[in-house]
Amino acid sequence: MSQYLIYHNPRCSKSRATLALLREHGVEPEIVLYLQQPLSVAALKRLLGKLGITAAEWVRHGEPEFKAAGLQAGSSAVQILNAMAAHPKLIERPVVVRGERAVLGRPPENVLGLFD
């Protein structure tokens, strides 16, 4: 099992670029296709803790599901995480995890901070 994990959407250019950058550095991460394998609220909370950002910073505000889920600028973390679990498309991607640390691959070079 790889010590790196990427929550990946192969249709997303940033996700593809992040995966390519990892591979260029000799890293073959475990790939989680989160749109096909949705994360539970508990898993999202754990991942959010590793990211060190707020739920509002992690959610994709421009997706139609954002409004359809009843979310708005002042929505609570619980509301956002529940919506992300129900609508994985709302998860800002890609997320790369190594141990207890995680980063968003936006820009892809963010993942370089996970290397020792």
N, C-alpha and C. Protein backbone atom coordinates (compact mmCIF):
# COMPACT_ATOMS: atom_id res chain seq x y z
N MET A 1 0.84 -1.18 0.00
CA MET A 1 0.00 0.00 0.00
C MET A 1 0.89 1.25 0.00
N SER A 2 0.52 2.23 -0.80
CA SER A 2 1.28 3.46 -0.91
C SER A 2 1.11 4.30 0.35
N GLN A 3 2.12 5.11 0.65
CA GLN A 3 1.99 6.01 1.79
C GLN A 3 1.30 7.31 1.38
N TYR A 4 0.96 7.42 0.11
CA TYR A 4 0.21 8.57 -0.41
C TYR A 4 -1.14 8.09 -0.92
N LEU A 5 -2.14 8.94 -0.75
CA LEU A 5 -3.48 8.64 -1.23
C LEU A 5 -4.01 9.89 -1.91
N ILE A 6 -4.65 9.72 -3.04
CA ILE A 6 -5.24 10.87 -3.74
C ILE A 6 -6.72 10.62 -3.93
N TYR A 7 -7.52 11.60 -3.52
CA TYR A 7 -8.96 11.60 -3.83
C TYR A 7 -9.05 12.28 -5.18
N HIS A 8 -9.37 11.48 -6.17
CA HIS A 8 -9.15 11.84 -7.57
C HIS A 8 -10.43 11.83 -8.37
N ASN A 9 -10.53 12.80 -9.28
CA ASN A 9 -11.58 12.85 -10.28
C ASN A 9 -10.87 12.90 -11.63
N PRO A 10 -10.86 11.79 -12.37
CA PRO A 10 -10.11 11.76 -13.62
C PRO A 10 -10.60 12.75 -14.68
N ARG A 11 -11.80 13.30 -14.50
CA ARG A 11 -12.32 14.28 -15.45
C ARG A 11 -11.85 15.70 -15.14
N CYS A 12 -11.18 15.87 -14.01
CA CYS A 12 -10.71 17.20 -13.57
C CYS A 12 -9.26 17.40 -13.98
N SER A 13 -8.98 18.48 -14.69
CA SER A 13 -7.61 18.73 -15.16
C SER A 13 -6.63 18.93 -14.00
N LYS A 14 -7.04 19.59 -12.93
CA LYS A 14 -6.15 19.80 -11.78
C LYS A 14 -5.85 18.47 -11.09
N SER A 15 -6.85 17.61 -11.03
CA SER A 15 -6.66 16.30 -10.43
C SER A 15 -5.69 15.46 -11.27
N ARG A 16 -5.86 15.49 -12.57
CA ARG A 16 -4.95 14.76 -13.46
C ARG A 16 -3.53 15.32 -13.36
N ALA A 17 -3.41 16.64 -13.31
CA ALA A 17 -2.09 17.27 -13.22
C ALA A 17 -1.41 16.93 -11.89
N THR A 18 -2.18 16.89 -10.82
CA THR A 18 -1.62 16.55 -9.51
C THR A 18 -1.14 15.11 -9.49
N LEU A 19 -1.94 14.20 -10.04
CA LEU A 19 -1.53 12.80 -10.12
C LEU A 19 -0.26 12.66 -10.97
N ALA A 20 -0.19 13.38 -12.07
CA ALA A 20 1.00 13.33 -12.93
C ALA A 20 2.22 13.86 -12.19
N LEU A 21 2.07 14.92 -11.42
CA LEU A 21 3.18 15.50 -10.67
C LEU A 21 3.69 14.51 -9.63
N LEU A 22 2.78 13.84 -8.94
CA LEU A 22 3.19 12.82 -7.97
C LEU A 22 4.01 11.74 -8.67
N ARG A 23 3.50 11.28 -9.79
CA ARG A 23 4.19 10.22 -10.53
C ARG A 23 5.56 10.68 -11.04
N GLU A 24 5.66 11.95 -11.46
CA GLU A 24 6.95 12.50 -11.90
C GLU A 24 7.99 12.46 -10.78
N HIS A 25 7.51 12.50 -9.54
CA HIS A 25 8.39 12.46 -8.38
C HIS A 25 8.51 11.05 -7.81
N GLY A 26 8.13 10.06 -8.59
CA GLY A 26 8.30 8.67 -8.18
C GLY A 26 7.28 8.16 -7.19
N VAL A 27 6.17 8.87 -7.04
CA VAL A 27 5.13 8.47 -6.10
C VAL A 27 3.97 7.85 -6.88
N GLU A 28 3.61 6.64 -6.53
CA GLU A 28 2.42 5.99 -7.10
C GLU A 28 1.40 5.90 -5.96
N PRO A 29 0.49 6.89 -5.89
CA PRO A 29 -0.44 6.93 -4.77
C PRO A 29 -1.57 5.91 -4.92
N GLU A 30 -2.17 5.60 -3.80
CA GLU A 30 -3.44 4.87 -3.82
C GLU A 30 -4.47 5.87 -4.34
N ILE A 31 -5.29 5.44 -5.28
CA ILE A 31 -6.27 6.34 -5.89
C ILE A 31 -7.66 6.00 -5.39
N VAL A 32 -8.35 7.01 -4.87
CA VAL A 32 -9.74 6.86 -4.46
C VAL A 32 -10.58 7.70 -5.42
N LEU A 33 -11.43 7.04 -6.16
CA LEU A 33 -12.35 7.74 -7.07
C LEU A 33 -13.58 8.11 -6.25
N TYR A 34 -13.48 9.26 -5.58
CA TYR A 34 -14.47 9.64 -4.57
C TYR A 34 -15.87 9.87 -5.13
N LEU A 35 -15.99 10.11 -6.43
CA LEU A 35 -17.33 10.25 -7.01
C LEU A 35 -18.01 8.89 -7.10
N GLN A 36 -17.22 7.83 -7.23
CA GLN A 36 -17.76 6.47 -7.29
C GLN A 36 -17.82 5.82 -5.91
N GLN A 37 -16.96 6.27 -5.00
CA GLN A 37 -16.89 5.75 -3.64
C GLN A 37 -17.07 6.93 -2.68
N PRO A 38 -18.30 7.44 -2.54
CA PRO A 38 -18.51 8.63 -1.71
C PRO A 38 -18.03 8.43 -0.26
N LEU A 39 -17.54 9.51 0.30
CA LEU A 39 -17.04 9.50 1.68
C LEU A 39 -18.17 9.76 2.66
N SER A 40 -18.09 9.13 3.81
CA SER A 40 -19.05 9.38 4.88
C SER A 40 -18.75 10.73 5.51
N VAL A 41 -19.69 11.23 6.30
CA VAL A 41 -19.46 12.49 7.01
C VAL A 41 -18.27 12.33 7.96
N ALA A 42 -18.17 11.18 8.62
CA ALA A 42 -17.05 10.94 9.55
C ALA A 42 -15.72 10.97 8.80
N ALA A 43 -15.65 10.35 7.62
CA ALA A 43 -14.42 10.35 6.83
C ALA A 43 -14.09 11.77 6.36
N LEU A 44 -15.10 12.52 5.96
CA LEU A 44 -14.89 13.91 5.55
C LEU A 44 -14.34 14.74 6.71
N LYS A 45 -14.86 14.54 7.92
CA LYS A 45 -14.37 15.27 9.10
C LYS A 45 -12.90 14.96 9.35
N ARG A 46 -12.54 13.68 9.26
CA ARG A 46 -11.13 13.30 9.48
C ARG A 46 -10.23 13.96 8.43
N LEU A 47 -10.69 13.93 7.20
CA LEU A 47 -9.91 14.52 6.11
C LEU A 47 -9.81 16.03 6.28
N LEU A 48 -10.87 16.66 6.69
CA LEU A 48 -10.87 18.11 6.93
C LEU A 48 -9.85 18.47 8.01
N GLY A 49 -9.77 17.66 9.06
CA GLY A 49 -8.79 17.89 10.11
C GLY A 49 -7.36 17.81 9.58
N LYS A 50 -7.11 16.89 8.66
CA LYS A 50 -5.78 16.76 8.08
C LYS A 50 -5.46 17.92 7.15
N LEU A 51 -6.48 18.45 6.48
CA LEU A 51 -6.28 19.58 5.57
C LEU A 51 -5.96 20.87 6.33
N GLY A 52 -6.56 21.01 7.52
CA GLY A 52 -6.33 22.22 8.30
C GLY A 52 -7.00 23.46 7.73
N ILE A 53 -8.10 23.26 7.03
CA ILE A 53 -8.89 24.37 6.50
C ILE A 53 -10.32 24.22 7.00
N THR A 54 -11.16 25.18 6.68
CA THR A 54 -12.56 25.09 7.09
C THR A 54 -13.37 24.37 6.02
N ALA A 55 -14.52 23.87 6.42
CA ALA A 55 -15.41 23.22 5.45
C ALA A 55 -15.80 24.21 4.35
N ALA A 56 -16.00 25.47 4.72
CA ALA A 56 -16.37 26.49 3.73
C ALA A 56 -15.26 26.71 2.70
N GLU A 57 -14.01 26.51 3.09
CA GLU A 57 -12.89 26.65 2.16
C GLU A 57 -12.74 25.43 1.26
N TRP A 58 -13.33 24.32 1.66
CA TRP A 58 -13.16 23.05 0.95
C TRP A 58 -14.30 22.75 -0.03
N VAL A 59 -15.43 23.37 0.16
CA VAL A 59 -16.61 23.07 -0.67
C VAL A 59 -16.55 23.87 -1.97
N ARG A 60 -17.07 23.28 -3.01
CA ARG A 60 -17.12 23.93 -4.33
C ARG A 60 -18.42 24.75 -4.41
N HIS A 61 -18.30 26.03 -4.22
CA HIS A 61 -19.45 26.94 -4.17
C HIS A 61 -20.16 27.08 -5.51
N GLY A 62 -19.46 26.89 -6.61
CA GLY A 62 -20.04 27.13 -7.93
C GLY A 62 -20.85 25.99 -8.51
N GLU A 63 -20.88 24.86 -7.84
CA GLU A 63 -21.63 23.72 -8.35
C GLU A 63 -23.13 23.89 -8.11
N PRO A 64 -23.97 23.45 -9.04
CA PRO A 64 -25.42 23.54 -8.84
C PRO A 64 -25.88 22.83 -7.56
N GLU A 65 -25.17 21.78 -7.18
CA GLU A 65 -25.52 21.03 -5.97
C GLU A 65 -25.37 21.87 -4.70
N PHE A 66 -24.51 22.90 -4.76
CA PHE A 66 -24.33 23.78 -3.60
C PHE A 66 -25.65 24.45 -3.24
N LYS A 67 -26.25 25.06 -4.24
CA LYS A 67 -27.52 25.74 -4.02
C LYS A 67 -28.65 24.73 -3.78
N ALA A 68 -28.64 23.63 -4.53
CA ALA A 68 -29.68 22.61 -4.39
C ALA A 68 -29.68 22.00 -2.99
N ALA A 69 -28.51 21.94 -2.36
CA ALA A 69 -28.40 21.39 -1.00
C ALA A 69 -28.80 22.42 0.05
N GLY A 70 -29.15 23.63 -0.38
CA GLY A 70 -29.56 24.66 0.55
C GLY A 70 -28.39 25.36 1.22
N LEU A 71 -27.21 25.20 0.67
CA LEU A 71 -26.03 25.84 1.27
C LEU A 71 -25.95 27.30 0.85
N GLN A 72 -25.31 28.08 1.71
CA GLN A 72 -25.06 29.49 1.43
C GLN A 72 -23.78 29.89 2.14
N ALA A 73 -23.38 31.12 1.98
CA ALA A 73 -22.10 31.59 2.53
C ALA A 73 -21.98 31.33 4.04
N GLY A 74 -23.05 31.42 4.78
CA GLY A 74 -22.99 31.24 6.23
C GLY A 74 -23.33 29.85 6.72
N SER A 75 -23.35 28.87 5.84
CA SER A 75 -23.70 27.50 6.26
C SER A 75 -22.66 26.96 7.24
N SER A 76 -23.13 26.16 8.17
CA SER A 76 -22.23 25.58 9.17
C SER A 76 -21.41 24.45 8.57
N ALA A 77 -20.34 24.09 9.26
CA ALA A 77 -19.49 22.98 8.83
C ALA A 77 -20.30 21.69 8.74
N VAL A 78 -21.19 21.48 9.69
CA VAL A 78 -22.02 20.27 9.68
C VAL A 78 -22.90 20.23 8.44
N GLN A 79 -23.51 21.36 8.11
CA GLN A 79 -24.35 21.42 6.91
C GLN A 79 -23.52 21.15 5.65
N ILE A 80 -22.35 21.74 5.59
CA ILE A 80 -21.49 21.58 4.42
C ILE A 80 -21.02 20.14 4.29
N LEU A 81 -20.55 19.55 5.37
CA LEU A 81 -20.07 18.16 5.32
C LEU A 81 -21.18 17.19 4.98
N ASN A 82 -22.37 17.43 5.51
CA ASN A 82 -23.52 16.58 5.15
C ASN A 82 -23.81 16.67 3.66
N ALA A 83 -23.75 17.88 3.12
CA ALA A 83 -23.99 18.08 1.69
C ALA A 83 -22.89 17.43 0.85
N MET A 84 -21.65 17.53 1.31
CA MET A 84 -20.54 16.92 0.58
C MET A 84 -20.66 15.39 0.58
N ALA A 85 -21.13 14.82 1.67
CA ALA A 85 -21.32 13.37 1.73
C ALA A 85 -22.44 12.94 0.78
N ALA A 86 -23.48 13.75 0.70
CA ALA A 86 -24.61 13.43 -0.18
C ALA A 86 -24.31 13.74 -1.64
N HIS A 87 -23.47 14.74 -1.87
CA HIS A 87 -23.14 15.19 -3.23
C HIS A 87 -21.61 15.33 -3.35
N PRO A 88 -20.89 14.23 -3.58
CA PRO A 88 -19.43 14.28 -3.60
C PRO A 88 -18.85 15.27 -4.61
N LYS A 89 -19.63 15.67 -5.59
CA LYS A 89 -19.16 16.66 -6.57
C LYS A 89 -18.81 17.98 -5.89
N LEU A 90 -19.33 18.20 -4.68
CA LEU A 90 -19.07 19.43 -3.94
C LEU A 90 -17.68 19.46 -3.30
N ILE A 91 -16.99 18.34 -3.29
CA ILE A 91 -15.66 18.28 -2.68
C ILE A 91 -14.64 18.91 -3.61
N GLU A 92 -13.94 19.92 -3.09
CA GLU A 92 -12.85 20.52 -3.88
C GLU A 92 -11.75 19.49 -4.02
N ARG A 93 -11.24 19.35 -5.22
CA ARG A 93 -10.30 18.29 -5.51
C ARG A 93 -9.10 18.83 -6.27
N PRO A 94 -8.10 17.99 -6.32
CA PRO A 94 -7.90 16.72 -5.64
C PRO A 94 -7.37 16.96 -4.22
N VAL A 95 -7.51 15.95 -3.39
CA VAL A 95 -6.92 15.98 -2.06
C VAL A 95 -5.88 14.86 -2.02
N VAL A 96 -4.68 15.20 -1.58
CA VAL A 96 -3.61 14.21 -1.44
C VAL A 96 -3.27 14.10 0.04
N VAL A 97 -3.21 12.87 0.51
CA VAL A 97 -2.96 12.59 1.92
C VAL A 97 -1.67 11.80 2.06
N ARG A 98 -0.90 12.17 3.06
CA ARG A 98 0.26 11.39 3.47
C ARG A 98 0.27 11.40 4.99
N GLY A 99 -0.02 10.26 5.58
CA GLY A 99 -0.06 10.16 7.03
C GLY A 99 -1.15 11.05 7.61
N GLU A 100 -0.75 11.93 8.50
CA GLU A 100 -1.71 12.82 9.16
C GLU A 100 -1.81 14.19 8.51
N ARG A 101 -1.19 14.32 7.32
CA ARG A 101 -1.22 15.59 6.60
C ARG A 101 -1.93 15.42 5.27
N ALA A 102 -2.59 16.47 4.85
CA ALA A 102 -3.27 16.46 3.55
C ALA A 102 -3.20 17.86 2.96
N VAL A 103 -3.23 17.91 1.62
CA VAL A 103 -3.25 19.19 0.92
C VAL A 103 -4.19 19.10 -0.26
N LEU A 104 -4.72 20.24 -0.64
CA LEU A 104 -5.48 20.34 -1.89
C LEU A 104 -4.47 20.51 -3.03
N GLY A 105 -4.70 19.83 -4.11
CA GLY A 105 -3.84 19.94 -5.28
C GLY A 105 -4.25 21.09 -6.16
N ARG A 106 -4.49 22.23 -5.59
CA ARG A 106 -4.84 23.46 -6.30
C ARG A 106 -3.98 24.58 -5.77
N PRO A 107 -2.91 24.88 -6.39
CA PRO A 107 -2.36 24.30 -7.61
C PRO A 107 -1.70 22.94 -7.31
N PRO A 108 -1.45 22.16 -8.36
CA PRO A 108 -0.86 20.84 -8.16
C PRO A 108 0.44 20.86 -7.34
N GLU A 109 1.21 21.92 -7.45
CA GLU A 109 2.49 22.01 -6.74
C GLU A 109 2.32 21.99 -5.22
N ASN A 110 1.12 22.21 -4.72
CA ASN A 110 0.89 22.12 -3.28
C ASN A 110 1.32 20.77 -2.72
N VAL A 111 1.23 19.71 -3.54
CA VAL A 111 1.56 18.37 -3.04
C VAL A 111 3.04 18.23 -2.72
N LEU A 112 3.87 19.08 -3.28
CA LEU A 112 5.30 19.01 -3.00
C LEU A 112 5.60 19.22 -1.53
N GLY A 113 4.72 19.93 -0.83
CA GLY A 113 4.87 20.15 0.60
C GLY A 113 4.72 18.89 1.44
N LEU A 114 4.21 17.82 0.85
CA LEU A 114 4.07 16.55 1.56
C LEU A 114 5.33 15.70 1.50
N PHE A 115 6.26 16.05 0.62
CA PHE A 115 7.49 15.28 0.48
C PHE A 115 8.44 15.63 1.62
N ASP A 116 9.21 14.66 2.05
CA ASP A 116 10.22 14.91 3.10
C ASP A 116 11.46 15.51 2.51
